[in-house]
C-alpha atoms as a PDB file:
ATOM      1  CA  VAL A   1       0.000   0.000   0.000  1.00  0.00           C
ATOM      2  CA  TYR A   2       2.790   2.441   0.882  1.00  0.00           C
ATOM      3  CA  ARG A   3       5.099   1.662  -2.052  1.00  0.00           C
ATOM      4  CA  GLU A   4       2.459   0.934  -4.681  1.00  0.00           C
ATOM      5  CA  PRO A   5      -0.811   2.669  -3.846  1.00  0.00           C
ATOM      6  CA  ALA A   6      -3.699   1.492  -5.994  1.00  0.00           C
ATOM      7  CA  SER A   7      -5.461   4.844  -6.219  1.00  0.00           C
ATOM      8  CA  ARG A   8      -5.070   8.578  -5.744  1.00  0.00           C
ATOM      9  CA  PHE A   9      -6.992   8.312  -2.475  1.00  0.00           C
ATOM     10  CA  VAL A  10      -4.628   5.691  -1.050  1.00  0.00           C
ATOM     11  CA  ALA A  11      -1.564   7.648  -2.223  1.00  0.00           C
ATOM     12  CA  SER A  12      -2.838  10.794  -0.500  1.00  0.00           C
ATOM     13  CA  PHE A  13      -3.871   8.956   2.659  1.00  0.00           C
ATOM     14  CA  VAL A  14      -0.788   6.784   3.307  1.00  0.00           C
ATOM     15  CA  GLY A  15       2.344   8.857   3.916  1.00  0.00           C
ATOM     16  CA  ASP A  16       3.445  11.961   2.048  1.00  0.00           C
ATOM     17  CA  ASN A  17       3.181  12.012  -1.728  1.00  0.00           C
ATOM     18  CA  THR A  18       3.441  14.687  -4.343  1.00  0.00           C
ATOM     19  CA  LEU A  19       0.493  14.035  -6.650  1.00  0.00           C
ATOM     20  CA  VAL A  20       0.314  15.685 -10.059  1.00  0.00           C
ATOM     21  CA  ASP A  21      -2.072  15.217 -12.947  1.00  0.00           C
ATOM     22  CA  GLY A  22      -0.715  15.007 -16.437  1.00  0.00           C
ATOM     23  CA  THR A  23      -0.680  13.381 -19.826  1.00  0.00           C
ATOM     24  CA  VAL A  24       1.525  10.518 -20.980  1.00  0.00           C
ATOM     25  CA  GLU A  25       4.054  11.381 -23.680  1.00  0.00           C
ATOM     26  CA  THR A  26       6.312   8.956 -25.499  1.00  0.00           C
ATOM     27  CA  ASP A  27       9.850   8.998 -26.860  1.00  0.00           C
ATOM     28  CA  PRO A  28      10.938   9.150 -24.081  1.00  0.00           C
ATOM     29  CA  LEU A  29       8.067   7.927 -21.926  1.00  0.00           C
ATOM     30  CA  ARG A  30       7.115  10.573 -19.357  1.00  0.00           C
ATOM     31  CA  VAL A  31       4.251  12.470 -17.751  1.00  0.00           C
ATOM     32  CA  ALA A  32       3.754  16.021 -18.978  1.00  0.00           C
ATOM     33  CA  VAL A  33       2.473  17.835 -15.889  1.00  0.00           C
ATOM     34  CA  ALA A  34      -0.826  19.578 -16.643  1.00  0.00           C
ATOM     35  CA  GLY A  35      -0.580  23.329 -17.143  1.00  0.00           C
ATOM     36  CA  THR A  36       3.240  23.432 -17.091  1.00  0.00           C
ATOM     37  CA  ASP A  37       6.316  22.597 -19.162  1.00  0.00           C
ATOM     38  CA  ALA A  38       7.463  20.185 -16.426  1.00  0.00           C
ATOM     39  CA  MET A  39       7.962  16.466 -17.028  1.00  0.00           C
ATOM     40  CA  LEU A  40       8.320  13.406 -14.818  1.00  0.00           C
ATOM     41  CA  PRO A  41      10.303  10.449 -16.219  1.00  0.00           C
ATOM     42  CA  LEU A  42       8.732   7.003 -16.542  1.00  0.00           C
ATOM     43  CA  LEU A  43      10.178   3.556 -17.143  1.00  0.00           C
ATOM     44  CA  PRO A  44      10.383   2.884 -20.897  1.00  0.00           C
ATOM     45  CA  ASP A  45       8.469  -0.395 -20.622  1.00  0.00           C
ATOM     46  CA  ALA A  46       5.514   1.003 -18.637  1.00  0.00           C
ATOM     47  CA  ASP A  47       2.140  -0.077 -20.002  1.00  0.00           C
ATOM     48  CA  LEU A  48       0.908   3.402 -20.945  1.00  0.00           C
ATOM     49  CA  THR A  49      -0.521   5.020 -24.042  1.00  0.00           C
ATOM     50  CA  ALA A  50       0.435   8.416 -25.452  1.00  0.00           C
ATOM     51  CA  GLY A  51      -2.205  10.986 -24.561  1.00  0.00           C
ATOM     52  CA  GLU A  52      -3.509   8.993 -21.599  1.00  0.00           C
ATOM     53  CA  THR A  53      -4.455  11.160 -18.585  1.00  0.00           C
ATOM     54  CA  VAL A  54      -2.863   9.935 -15.353  1.00  0.00           C
ATOM     55  CA  THR A  55      -1.894  11.009 -11.866  1.00  0.00           C
ATOM     56  CA  ALA A  56       1.794  10.648 -10.982  1.00  0.00           C
ATOM     57  CA  ALA A  57       2.825  10.085  -7.369  1.00  0.00           C
ATOM     58  CA  VAL A  58       6.327  10.700  -6.013  1.00  0.00           C
ATOM     59  CA  ARG A  59       7.384  10.164  -2.395  1.00  0.00           C
ATOM     60  CA  PRO A  60       9.705  12.719  -0.713  1.00  0.00           C
ATOM     61  CA  GLU A  61      12.413  10.107  -0.076  1.00  0.00           C
ATOM     62  CA  HIS A  62      12.621   9.337  -3.801  1.00  0.00           C
ATOM     63  CA  LEU A  63      13.660  12.862  -4.769  1.00  0.00           C
ATOM     64  CA  ARG A  64      17.329  13.722  -4.470  1.00  0.00           C
ATOM     65  CA  VAL A  65      19.276  16.959  -4.795  1.00  0.00           C
ATOM     66  CA  VAL A  66      21.566  16.832  -7.834  1.00  0.00           C
ATOM     67  CA  ARG A  67      24.984  18.330  -7.211  1.00  0.00           C
ATOM     68  CA  ASP A  68      27.800  19.069  -9.629  1.00  0.00           C
ATOM     69  CA  GLY A  69      31.348  17.838  -9.012  1.00  0.00           C
ATOM     70  CA  ASN A  70      32.032  20.885  -6.810  1.00  0.00           C
ATOM     71  CA  GLY A  71      29.133  20.221  -4.443  1.00  0.00           C
ATOM     72  CA  GLY A  72      26.833  22.848  -5.937  1.00  0.00           C
ATOM     73  CA  GLU A  73      23.454  22.317  -7.533  1.00  0.00           C
ATOM     74  CA  THR A  74      23.271  21.833 -11.284  1.00  0.00           C
ATOM     75  CA  ALA A  75      21.811  24.417 -13.652  1.00  0.00           C
ATOM     76  CA  ALA A  76      19.109  26.636 -12.127  1.00  0.00           C
ATOM     77  CA  ALA A  77      16.964  26.138 -15.230  1.00  0.00           C
ATOM     78  CA  ALA A  78      16.832  22.376 -14.722  1.00  0.00           C
ATOM     79  CA  GLY A  79      13.553  20.728 -15.562  1.00  0.00           C
ATOM     80  CA  THR A  80      12.394  23.356 -18.021  1.00  0.00           C
ATOM     81  CA  THR A  81      12.956  21.343 -21.183  1.00  0.00           C
ATOM     82  CA  SER A  82      11.910  17.881 -22.243  1.00  0.00           C
ATOM     83  CA  ASP A  83      15.582  16.888 -22.622  1.00  0.00           C
ATOM     84  CA  ASP A  84      16.481  17.688 -18.992  1.00  0.00           C
ATOM     85  CA  PRO A  85      15.619  14.903 -16.541  1.00  0.00           C
ATOM     86  CA  THR A  86      15.899  17.108 -13.441  1.00  0.00           C
ATOM     87  CA  LEU A  87      13.222  19.170 -11.717  1.00  0.00           C
ATOM     88  CA  ALA A  88      13.806  22.815 -10.760  1.00  0.00           C
ATOM     89  CA  ALA A  89      12.363  23.624  -7.345  1.00  0.00           C
ATOM     90  CA  THR A  90      12.664  26.451  -4.824  1.00  0.00           C
ATOM     91  CA  VAL A  91      12.861  25.809  -1.081  1.00  0.00           C
ATOM     92  CA  GLU A  92       9.977  27.502   0.742  1.00  0.00           C
ATOM     93  CA  SER A  93      10.469  26.079   4.245  1.00  0.00           C
ATOM     94  CA  VAL A  94      12.524  23.443   6.052  1.00  0.00           C
ATOM     95  CA  GLU A  95      11.651  21.036   8.874  1.00  0.00           C
ATOM     96  CA  CYS A  96      14.267  19.168  10.874  1.00  0.00           C
ATOM     97  CA  LEU A  97      13.272  15.510  11.258  1.00  0.00           C
ATOM     98  CA  GLY A  98      16.269  14.650  13.420  1.00  0.00           C
ATOM     99  CA  GLU A  99      18.250  12.466  11.014  1.00  0.00           C
ATOM    100  CA  ALA A 100      17.016  14.278   7.887  1.00  0.00           C
ATOM    101  CA  TYR A 101      15.247  17.404   6.661  1.00  0.00           C
ATOM    102  CA  ARG A 102      11.865  17.803   5.007  1.00  0.00           C
ATOM    103  CA  LEU A 103      12.117  20.494   2.361  1.00  0.00           C
ATOM    104  CA  HIS A 104       8.848  22.120   1.345  1.00  0.00           C
ATOM    105  CA  CYS A 105       9.478  23.305  -2.195  1.00  0.00           C
ATOM    106  CA  ALA A 106       7.658  25.037  -5.029  1.00  0.00           C
ATOM    107  CA  TRP A 107       7.885  23.206  -8.338  1.00  0.00           C
ATOM    108  CA  ALA A 108       5.968  23.958 -11.541  1.00  0.00           C
ATOM    109  CA  GLY A 109       3.401  25.951  -9.569  1.00  0.00           C
ATOM    110  CA  ARG A 110       2.853  23.072  -7.138  1.00  0.00           C
ATOM    111  CA  ASP A 111       4.009  21.995  -3.696  1.00  0.00           C
ATOM    112  CA  LEU A 112       6.724  19.358  -3.612  1.00  0.00           C
ATOM    113  CA  LEU A 113       8.116  17.582  -0.547  1.00  0.00           C
ATOM    114  CA  VAL A 114      11.735  16.407  -0.513  1.00  0.00           C
ATOM    115  CA  ARG A 115      13.445  14.376   2.195  1.00  0.00           C
ATOM    116  CA  ALA A 116      17.099  15.432   2.245  1.00  0.00           C
ATOM    117  CA  ASP A 117      20.172  14.594   4.297  1.00  0.00           C
ATOM    118  CA  GLU A 118      21.316  18.220   4.293  1.00  0.00           C
ATOM    119  CA  ARG A 119      19.514  21.414   5.208  1.00  0.00           C
ATOM    120  CA  ALA A 120      18.863  23.797   2.307  1.00  0.00           C
ATOM    121  CA  PRO A 121      18.329  27.518   2.834  1.00  0.00           C
ATOM    122  CA  VAL A 122      14.863  28.969   2.250  1.00  0.00           C
ATOM    123  CA  GLY A 123      14.775  30.573  -1.183  1.00  0.00           C
ATOM    124  CA  GLU A 124      17.474  28.316  -2.635  1.00  0.00           C
ATOM    125  CA  SER A 125      16.896  26.908  -6.113  1.00  0.00           C
ATOM    126  CA  LEU A 126      17.479  23.164  -6.277  1.00  0.00           C
ATOM    127  CA  ALA A 127      17.866  20.708  -9.115  1.00  0.00           C
ATOM    128  CA  LEU A 128      16.121  17.477  -8.126  1.00  0.00           C
ATOM    129  CA  ALA A 129      16.218  14.058  -9.722  1.00  0.00           C
ATOM    130  CA  VAL A 130      13.840  11.136  -9.475  1.00  0.00           C
ATOM    131  CA  ASP A 131      14.411   7.629 -10.767  1.00  0.00           C
ATOM    132  CA  PRO A 132      11.675   6.681 -13.264  1.00  0.00           C
ATOM    133  CA  ALA A 133      11.085   3.490 -11.242  1.00  0.00           C
ATOM    134  CA  ASP A 134      10.047   5.688  -8.300  1.00  0.00           C
ATOM    135  CA  VAL A 135       7.323   7.565 -10.193  1.00  0.00           C
ATOM    136  CA  ARG A 136       4.076   5.711  -9.504  1.00  0.00           C
ATOM    137  CA  VAL A 137       1.413   6.165 -12.179  1.00  0.00           C
ATOM    138  CA  LEU A 138      -2.183   6.049 -10.988  1.00  0.00           C
ATOM    139  CA  ARG A 139      -5.071   5.664 -13.367  1.00  0.00           C
ATOM    140  CA  GLY A 140      -8.728   6.249 -12.690  1.00  0.00           C
ATOM    141  CA  ASP A 141      -9.297   2.486 -12.872  1.00  0.00           C
ATOM    142  CA  GLY A 142      -6.796   1.752 -10.067  1.00  0.00           C
ATOM    143  CA  ARG A 143      -4.147   0.117 -12.307  1.00  0.00           C
END
């Protein structure tokens, strides 16, 4: 139930999830987030059809801050093109969880939760990555 919720309701009820509606695009397979230029990557062998309307769910622990070789974040414009697999987000607030931090971020006009090992300053722009295997696609029929 936690790792593979069967519906939007279950995904919103069990743990924290970022839920976004969008349309499936192919080549590469991804979800185009409704009303934005943002994309979420999907596994290439997922059983989805181009143009299909879905809800994508991503857990905070599956997002990671992408750093360059010098320890800094990658390009600030990350996630703005279909060729860039990262998501550009801005930190709005930070909660200390003891062993980690919960970053409340703004991404593509939506709220996005990120569980991070390091604190990030409020207002900082982050490049985030998510493995396509960690993007759960929810359909209206519960598949």
